[in-house]
Amino acid sequence: MVEDKNQNVELTDHEAELYDRQIRLWGLESQKRLRAARVLLIGLNGFGAEIAKNIILAGVKAVTFLDHRNVTAEDRCSQFLTPKDSLGKNRAEASLQRAKNLNLMVNIEADTSNVDDKPDTYFSNFDVVCATQCSITQIKKINGICRKHNVKFFAGDVWGTFGYTFADLIEHEYAEDIVQTKKIQLSESGEPVIKEKFENITVTEKRTDTFVPFESVLNVPKLSLPKESEMYYMMLIMLNYREKYNNDPPPGERGSENFTAEATEVIKKYDLGDKINHLFEGDVYAQISPVCAIVGGIMGQEIIKTVSQKGAPHNNLFVFNPDTLCGKILKLGQ
């Protein structure tokens, strides 16, 4: 990648060859935007590793791994960027070498600091901030800073077989390809046409979406939620537990009194009866590798769409249902 004196990004011949397939998919200008993007990824668990893999392979300019935590036994289930002998080592640093091997053209750095110790100006150095394994208080704070500095913000998590992603792109402009049907004109000879003929043409339209901050999608009234929104309630349960205990429910304490109490509080608030009992009594511990791949793939896709400005982004919440193995987009707080 090279930059001219006007700071316009140009791809080298080697980059054009490497990203040829992507350029054919979303265009040269979109790839140039990707090659100029700086991404901060907070949290390098299995979910974070999947996000990192997708955006690194897509060819962004730089990715910073920010994580003060060490590699644990639970990470071995889904965190493929950390070698087997890295148990107890810092997770960001342990993930560095394998991440670099994915794409040598991407500048990847590890930061072992705690996100709480970072000044507001730190986040302004990035085009995109993606927060995982953060508390509600942390997410709201970082989201507010990103809004102040006009930085695109994402948050998400995976608990067992359940996961979600959230996007606050403030005001986002993008291009979307729309297929339209066009009637074929009559021949110049003027001969009558027995049957009208049509053809499909692709038209690129520019659009703008407005987003809301994370706090706007919390504690949404039940009447404002669409049907089959069980996974939204699960997200609240998991986030509320983390906010209160500064951790997620450990696998060794399934069905603990504390976790049941947090679930009961949400169930009573939304008058859910036994509607989601099977969900919070199910597998919401540690991280399941295939679910990290699915939800992490969605998050990576949304970051790529946002940076490249190609395609309509999810506005604003995506939840993955382990019962149906399907995801659902919820537009809340607007």
Protein backbone atom coordinates (compact mmCIF):
# COMPACT_ATOMS: atom_id res chain seq x y z
CA MET A 1 0.00 0.00 0.00
CA VAL A 2 1.26 3.49 -0.87
CA GLU A 3 -0.14 6.94 -0.17
CA ASP A 4 0.31 9.90 -2.52
CA LYS A 5 0.86 13.46 -1.32
CA ASN A 6 -2.92 13.95 -1.08
CA GLN A 7 -3.11 10.91 1.26
CA ASN A 8 -5.01 8.85 -1.31
CA VAL A 9 -4.45 5.12 -0.84
CA GLU A 10 -3.14 3.19 -3.84
CA LEU A 11 -2.65 -0.57 -3.98
CA THR A 12 0.69 -1.99 -5.01
CA ASP A 13 0.82 -4.61 -7.77
CA HIS A 14 1.35 -7.32 -5.15
CA GLU A 15 -1.68 -6.14 -3.16
CA ALA A 16 -3.83 -5.97 -6.30
CA GLU A 17 -2.86 -9.56 -7.05
CA LEU A 18 -3.44 -10.78 -3.48
CA TYR A 19 -6.84 -9.10 -3.16
CA ASP A 20 -7.92 -9.72 -6.75
CA ARG A 21 -10.89 -11.89 -5.75
CA GLN A 22 -12.15 -9.32 -3.25
CA ILE A 23 -11.72 -6.47 -5.71
CA ARG A 24 -13.89 -8.38 -8.16
CA LEU A 25 -16.47 -8.86 -5.41
CA TRP A 26 -16.80 -5.35 -3.97
CA GLY A 27 -14.69 -3.12 -6.22
CA LEU A 28 -11.33 -1.37 -6.15
CA GLU A 29 -12.49 1.70 -4.21
CA SER A 30 -13.91 -0.47 -1.42
CA GLN A 31 -10.65 -2.40 -1.18
CA LYS A 32 -8.73 0.87 -0.96
CA ARG A 33 -10.90 1.91 1.97
CA LEU A 34 -10.12 -1.39 3.68
CA ARG A 35 -6.38 -0.91 3.12
CA ALA A 36 -6.59 2.44 4.91
CA ALA A 37 -8.58 1.22 7.94
CA ARG A 38 -7.18 0.95 11.47
CA VAL A 39 -9.11 -1.39 13.78
CA LEU A 40 -8.96 -1.79 17.56
CA LEU A 41 -10.08 -5.21 18.78
CA ILE A 42 -10.72 -5.39 22.51
CA GLY A 43 -10.67 -8.95 23.87
CA LEU A 44 -8.88 -11.91 22.28
CA ASN A 45 -11.02 -14.86 23.36
CA GLY A 46 -12.31 -17.36 20.80
CA PHE A 47 -14.88 -14.90 19.50
CA GLY A 48 -12.27 -12.14 19.18
CA ALA A 49 -9.92 -14.51 17.36
CA GLU A 50 -12.58 -15.21 14.72
CA ILE A 51 -13.18 -11.48 14.21
CA ALA A 52 -9.45 -10.89 13.92
CA LYS A 53 -9.05 -13.65 11.32
CA ASN A 54 -11.77 -12.23 9.08
CA ILE A 55 -10.66 -8.61 9.07
CA ILE A 56 -6.96 -9.50 8.70
CA LEU A 57 -7.63 -11.73 5.71
CA ALA A 58 -9.78 -8.96 4.18
CA GLY A 59 -6.73 -6.70 4.17
CA VAL A 60 -7.20 -3.77 6.54
CA LYS A 61 -4.24 -1.49 7.21
CA ALA A 62 -3.69 -2.25 10.88
CA VAL A 63 -5.20 -4.18 13.80
CA THR A 64 -4.40 -3.63 17.47
CA PHE A 65 -5.17 -6.42 19.96
CA LEU A 66 -6.02 -4.90 23.35
CA ASP A 67 -6.29 -7.46 26.15
CA HIS A 68 -4.84 -7.56 29.66
CA ARG A 69 -6.08 -11.08 30.36
CA ASN A 70 -4.03 -14.27 30.22
CA VAL A 71 -4.76 -17.45 28.26
CA THR A 72 -6.93 -19.85 30.29
CA ALA A 73 -7.95 -23.49 29.93
CA GLU A 74 -11.35 -22.35 28.62
CA ASP A 75 -9.63 -20.53 25.73
CA ARG A 76 -8.36 -23.87 24.44
CA CYS A 77 -11.93 -24.68 23.31
CA SER A 78 -12.11 -21.90 20.71
CA GLN A 79 -9.06 -19.58 20.68
CA PHE A 80 -7.07 -20.90 17.71
CA LEU A 81 -4.56 -18.02 17.57
CA THR A 82 -2.85 -19.01 20.84
CA PRO A 83 -0.36 -21.93 20.75
CA LYS A 84 -0.78 -24.86 23.13
CA ASP A 85 2.13 -23.76 25.28
CA SER A 86 0.74 -20.25 25.88
CA LEU A 87 -1.39 -21.10 28.93
CA GLY A 88 -0.94 -18.31 31.48
CA LYS A 89 0.62 -15.89 28.99
CA ASN A 90 -0.96 -12.62 27.92
CA ARG A 91 -3.70 -13.38 25.40
CA ALA A 92 -2.98 -10.47 23.03
CA GLU A 93 0.74 -11.24 22.83
CA ALA A 94 0.15 -14.99 22.52
CA SER A 95 -2.18 -14.38 19.54
CA LEU A 96 0.23 -12.09 17.70
CA GLN A 97 2.41 -14.44 15.65
CA ARG A 98 -0.36 -16.64 14.22
CA ALA A 99 -2.38 -13.54 13.41
CA LYS A 100 0.57 -12.03 11.52
CA ASN A 101 0.96 -15.26 9.55
CA LEU A 102 -2.57 -14.83 8.17
CA ASN A 103 -1.60 -11.75 6.15
CA LEU A 104 1.89 -10.29 6.18
CA MET A 105 0.61 -7.04 4.65
CA VAL A 106 -1.43 -6.12 7.73
CA ASN A 107 0.30 -4.34 10.62
CA ILE A 108 -0.73 -6.16 13.82
CA GLU A 109 0.23 -5.07 17.34
CA ALA A 110 -0.50 -6.35 20.83
CA ASP A 111 -1.34 -4.05 23.74
CA THR A 112 -1.41 -5.70 27.19
CA SER A 113 -3.02 -2.73 28.95
CA ASN A 114 -6.41 -2.77 30.62
CA VAL A 115 -9.02 -0.96 28.54
CA ASP A 116 -10.08 0.96 31.66
CA ASP A 117 -6.65 2.59 31.82
CA LYS A 118 -6.83 4.04 28.32
CA PRO A 119 -7.48 7.80 27.90
CA ASP A 120 -10.30 8.94 25.64
CA THR A 121 -7.83 10.13 23.00
CA TYR A 122 -6.51 6.57 22.56
CA PHE A 123 -9.70 5.44 20.81
CA SER A 124 -9.60 8.37 18.39
CA ASN A 125 -6.56 6.76 16.72
CA PHE A 126 -8.77 4.13 15.08
CA ASP A 127 -11.42 4.04 12.37
CA VAL A 128 -13.25 1.11 14.00
CA VAL A 129 -13.41 -0.07 17.62
CA CYS A 130 -14.77 -3.55 18.35
CA ALA A 131 -15.34 -4.44 22.02
CA THR A 132 -15.76 -8.01 23.30
CA GLN A 133 -15.82 -9.41 26.83
CA CYS A 134 -16.66 -5.97 28.23
CA SER A 135 -19.17 -4.99 30.91
CA ILE A 136 -22.20 -2.80 30.24
CA THR A 137 -20.43 0.14 31.88
CA GLN A 138 -17.34 -0.34 29.70
CA ILE A 139 -19.36 -0.71 26.50
CA LYS A 140 -21.38 2.43 27.17
CA LYS A 141 -18.25 4.42 28.04
CA ILE A 142 -16.26 3.32 24.97
CA ASN A 143 -19.29 3.79 22.73
CA GLY A 144 -19.71 7.35 24.00
CA ILE A 145 -16.04 8.13 23.33
CA CYS A 146 -16.30 6.71 19.82
CA ARG A 147 -19.36 8.85 19.11
CA LYS A 148 -17.48 11.93 20.30
CA HIS A 149 -14.61 11.21 17.90
CA ASN A 150 -16.78 9.89 15.04
CA VAL A 151 -15.33 6.36 15.28
CA LYS A 152 -17.44 3.38 14.17
CA PHE A 153 -18.25 1.16 17.15
CA PHE A 154 -19.09 -2.53 17.48
CA ALA A 155 -19.70 -4.76 20.50
CA GLY A 156 -20.51 -8.43 20.84
CA ASP A 157 -20.03 -11.66 22.75
CA VAL A 158 -20.48 -15.40 22.66
CA TRP A 159 -21.65 -17.40 25.66
CA GLY A 160 -21.74 -21.13 25.03
CA THR A 161 -24.02 -21.60 22.03
CA PHE A 162 -25.51 -18.08 22.11
CA GLY A 163 -24.06 -14.85 20.76
CA TYR A 164 -24.84 -11.31 19.65
CA THR A 165 -23.32 -8.37 17.77
CA PHE A 166 -24.16 -4.68 18.05
CA ALA A 167 -23.26 -1.77 15.76
CA ASP A 168 -23.31 1.98 16.31
CA LEU A 169 -22.08 3.58 13.09
CA ILE A 170 -23.56 6.98 14.06
CA GLU A 171 -24.50 8.18 10.56
CA HIS A 172 -23.25 5.83 7.88
CA GLU A 173 -23.16 6.26 4.11
CA TYR A 174 -22.89 3.20 1.90
CA ALA A 175 -23.55 1.90 -1.61
CA GLU A 176 -25.91 -0.99 -2.27
CA ASP A 177 -26.46 -2.93 -5.47
CA ILE A 178 -30.16 -3.18 -6.36
CA VAL A 179 -31.50 -5.52 -9.03
CA GLN A 180 -34.17 -3.86 -11.17
CA THR A 181 -36.32 -5.27 -13.98
CA LYS A 182 -36.20 -3.33 -17.23
CA LYS A 183 -38.45 -3.74 -20.25
CA ILE A 184 -36.55 -4.38 -23.48
CA GLN A 185 -37.31 -1.84 -26.21
CA LEU A 186 -38.99 -2.84 -29.48
CA SER A 187 -36.78 -3.57 -32.45
CA GLU A 188 -36.01 -0.69 -34.85
CA SER A 189 -37.84 -2.51 -37.64
CA GLY A 190 -41.12 -1.82 -35.87
CA GLU A 191 -42.27 -5.43 -36.15
CA PRO A 192 -44.88 -6.36 -33.53
CA VAL A 193 -43.62 -8.27 -30.50
CA ILE A 194 -45.73 -11.29 -29.58
CA LYS A 195 -44.47 -11.39 -25.97
CA GLU A 196 -42.92 -8.55 -23.96
CA LYS A 197 -39.35 -9.17 -22.85
CA PHE A 198 -37.64 -8.00 -19.69
CA GLU A 199 -34.10 -8.12 -18.34
CA ASN A 200 -32.56 -7.67 -14.92
CA ILE A 201 -30.04 -4.88 -14.45
CA THR A 202 -27.98 -4.03 -11.36
CA VAL A 203 -28.07 -0.42 -10.20
CA THR A 204 -25.84 0.95 -7.44
CA GLU A 205 -27.66 3.27 -5.05
CA LYS A 206 -26.15 5.47 -2.33
CA ARG A 207 -27.92 5.36 1.01
CA THR A 208 -27.52 6.65 4.57
CA ASP A 209 -28.49 4.95 7.85
CA THR A 210 -28.65 6.48 11.32
CA PHE A 211 -27.68 4.42 14.37
CA VAL A 212 -28.20 4.68 18.13
CA PRO A 213 -25.76 4.15 21.03
CA PHE A 214 -25.62 0.88 22.97
CA GLU A 215 -27.55 2.22 25.94
CA SER A 216 -30.59 2.72 23.66
CA VAL A 217 -30.93 -1.04 23.05
CA LEU A 218 -30.84 -1.97 26.74
CA ASN A 219 -34.05 -2.52 28.69
CA VAL A 220 -36.29 -1.98 25.67
CA PRO A 221 -40.02 -2.23 26.57
CA LYS A 222 -41.55 -5.61 25.77
CA LEU A 223 -44.14 -4.06 23.45
CA SER A 224 -41.34 -2.59 21.32
CA LEU A 225 -39.77 -6.00 20.72
CA PRO A 226 -40.79 -8.19 17.77
CA LYS A 227 -42.06 -11.71 18.30
CA GLU A 228 -39.57 -14.46 19.03
CA SER A 229 -37.09 -12.15 20.74
CA GLU A 230 -36.02 -14.69 23.37
CA MET A 231 -32.35 -14.17 22.57
CA TYR A 232 -32.61 -10.48 23.43
CA TYR A 233 -33.60 -11.43 26.98
CA MET A 234 -30.68 -13.87 27.15
CA MET A 235 -28.33 -11.09 26.14
CA LEU A 236 -29.63 -8.95 29.02
CA ILE A 237 -29.22 -11.82 31.50
CA MET A 238 -25.62 -12.48 30.48
CA LEU A 239 -24.64 -8.81 30.40
CA ASN A 240 -26.34 -8.08 33.73
CA TYR A 241 -24.50 -10.98 35.36
CA ARG A 242 -21.14 -9.75 34.02
CA GLU A 243 -21.89 -6.20 35.11
CA LYS A 244 -22.68 -7.32 38.65
CA TYR A 245 -19.97 -9.95 39.19
CA ASN A 246 -17.27 -8.70 36.76
CA ASN A 247 -17.14 -12.15 35.19
CA ASP A 248 -19.22 -14.65 33.23
CA PRO A 249 -20.84 -17.73 34.82
CA PRO A 250 -18.01 -20.30 35.15
CA PRO A 251 -18.57 -23.79 33.66
CA GLY A 252 -17.94 -25.35 37.07
CA GLU A 253 -20.92 -23.53 38.61
CA ARG A 254 -23.77 -24.43 36.28
CA GLY A 255 -27.12 -23.26 37.55
CA SER A 256 -25.57 -21.28 40.39
CA GLU A 257 -27.76 -19.26 42.71
CA ASN A 258 -26.32 -15.95 41.48
CA PHE A 259 -26.91 -16.73 37.82
CA THR A 260 -30.43 -18.02 38.47
CA ALA A 261 -31.20 -14.82 40.39
CA GLU A 262 -30.14 -12.62 37.46
CA ALA A 263 -32.21 -14.69 35.04
CA THR A 264 -35.23 -14.57 37.35
CA GLU A 265 -35.02 -10.79 37.55
CA VAL A 266 -35.20 -10.40 33.76
CA ILE A 267 -37.97 -13.01 33.50
CA LYS A 268 -40.09 -11.16 36.06
CA LYS A 269 -39.44 -7.76 34.53
CA TYR A 270 -40.64 -8.89 31.09
CA ASP A 271 -43.28 -11.31 32.38
CA LEU A 272 -41.79 -14.23 30.44
CA GLY A 273 -43.04 -17.12 32.58
CA ASP A 274 -41.10 -20.24 31.61
CA LYS A 275 -40.56 -19.06 28.01
CA ILE A 276 -36.76 -18.86 28.19
CA ASN A 277 -36.04 -21.32 31.01
CA HIS A 278 -34.59 -23.86 28.58
CA LEU A 279 -32.19 -21.22 27.30
CA PHE A 280 -30.62 -20.00 30.53
CA GLU A 281 -30.59 -23.56 31.86
CA GLY A 282 -28.77 -24.66 28.70
CA ASP A 283 -25.20 -24.24 27.48
CA VAL A 284 -24.19 -20.62 28.12
CA TYR A 285 -20.77 -21.41 29.59
CA ALA A 286 -17.34 -20.78 28.05
CA GLN A 287 -17.37 -20.45 24.24
CA ILE A 288 -18.30 -23.07 21.68
CA SER A 289 -15.95 -22.97 18.68
CA PRO A 290 -18.58 -23.33 15.88
CA VAL A 291 -20.69 -20.53 17.39
CA CYS A 292 -17.61 -18.30 17.64
CA ALA A 293 -17.03 -18.98 13.94
CA ILE A 294 -20.62 -18.07 13.02
CA VAL A 295 -21.06 -14.96 15.17
CA GLY A 296 -17.43 -13.90 14.68
CA GLY A 297 -17.94 -14.26 10.94
CA ILE A 298 -20.97 -11.99 11.14
CA MET A 299 -19.04 -9.39 13.14
CA GLY A 300 -16.12 -9.52 10.73
CA GLN A 301 -18.49 -9.18 7.79
CA GLU A 302 -20.15 -6.13 9.34
CA ILE A 303 -16.81 -4.44 10.00
CA ILE A 304 -15.73 -5.10 6.42
CA LYS A 305 -19.01 -3.76 5.03
CA THR A 306 -18.73 -0.67 7.21
CA VAL A 307 -15.15 0.16 6.26
CA SER A 308 -15.61 -0.60 2.56
CA GLN A 309 -18.97 1.24 2.51
CA LYS A 310 -20.35 -1.57 0.39
CA GLY A 311 -23.66 -3.14 1.37
CA ALA A 312 -26.29 -2.38 4.00
CA PRO A 313 -25.00 -2.93 7.55
CA HIS A 314 -27.02 -4.54 10.34
CA ASN A 315 -28.88 -1.81 12.18
CA ASN A 316 -28.36 -2.44 15.01
CA LEU A 317 -28.52 -5.76 16.93
CA PHE A 318 -27.88 -9.29 15.65
CA VAL A 319 -28.69 -12.27 17.89
CA PHE A 320 -27.90 -15.93 17.22
CA ASN A 321 -30.43 -18.53 18.36
CA PRO A 322 -28.90 -21.93 19.28
CA ASP A 323 -32.34 -23.61 19.07
CA THR A 324 -32.91 -22.74 15.43
CA LEU A 325 -29.25 -22.19 14.46
CA CYS A 326 -30.40 -18.96 12.82
CA GLY A 327 -29.67 -15.31 13.41
CA LYS A 328 -32.09 -12.42 13.67
CA ILE A 329 -31.59 -8.67 13.19
CA LEU A 330 -33.39 -6.43 15.69
CA LYS A 331 -33.60 -2.70 15.09
CA LEU A 332 -34.12 -1.31 18.58
CA GLY A 333 -34.09 2.03 20.35
CA GLN A 334 -35.23 4.10 17.37
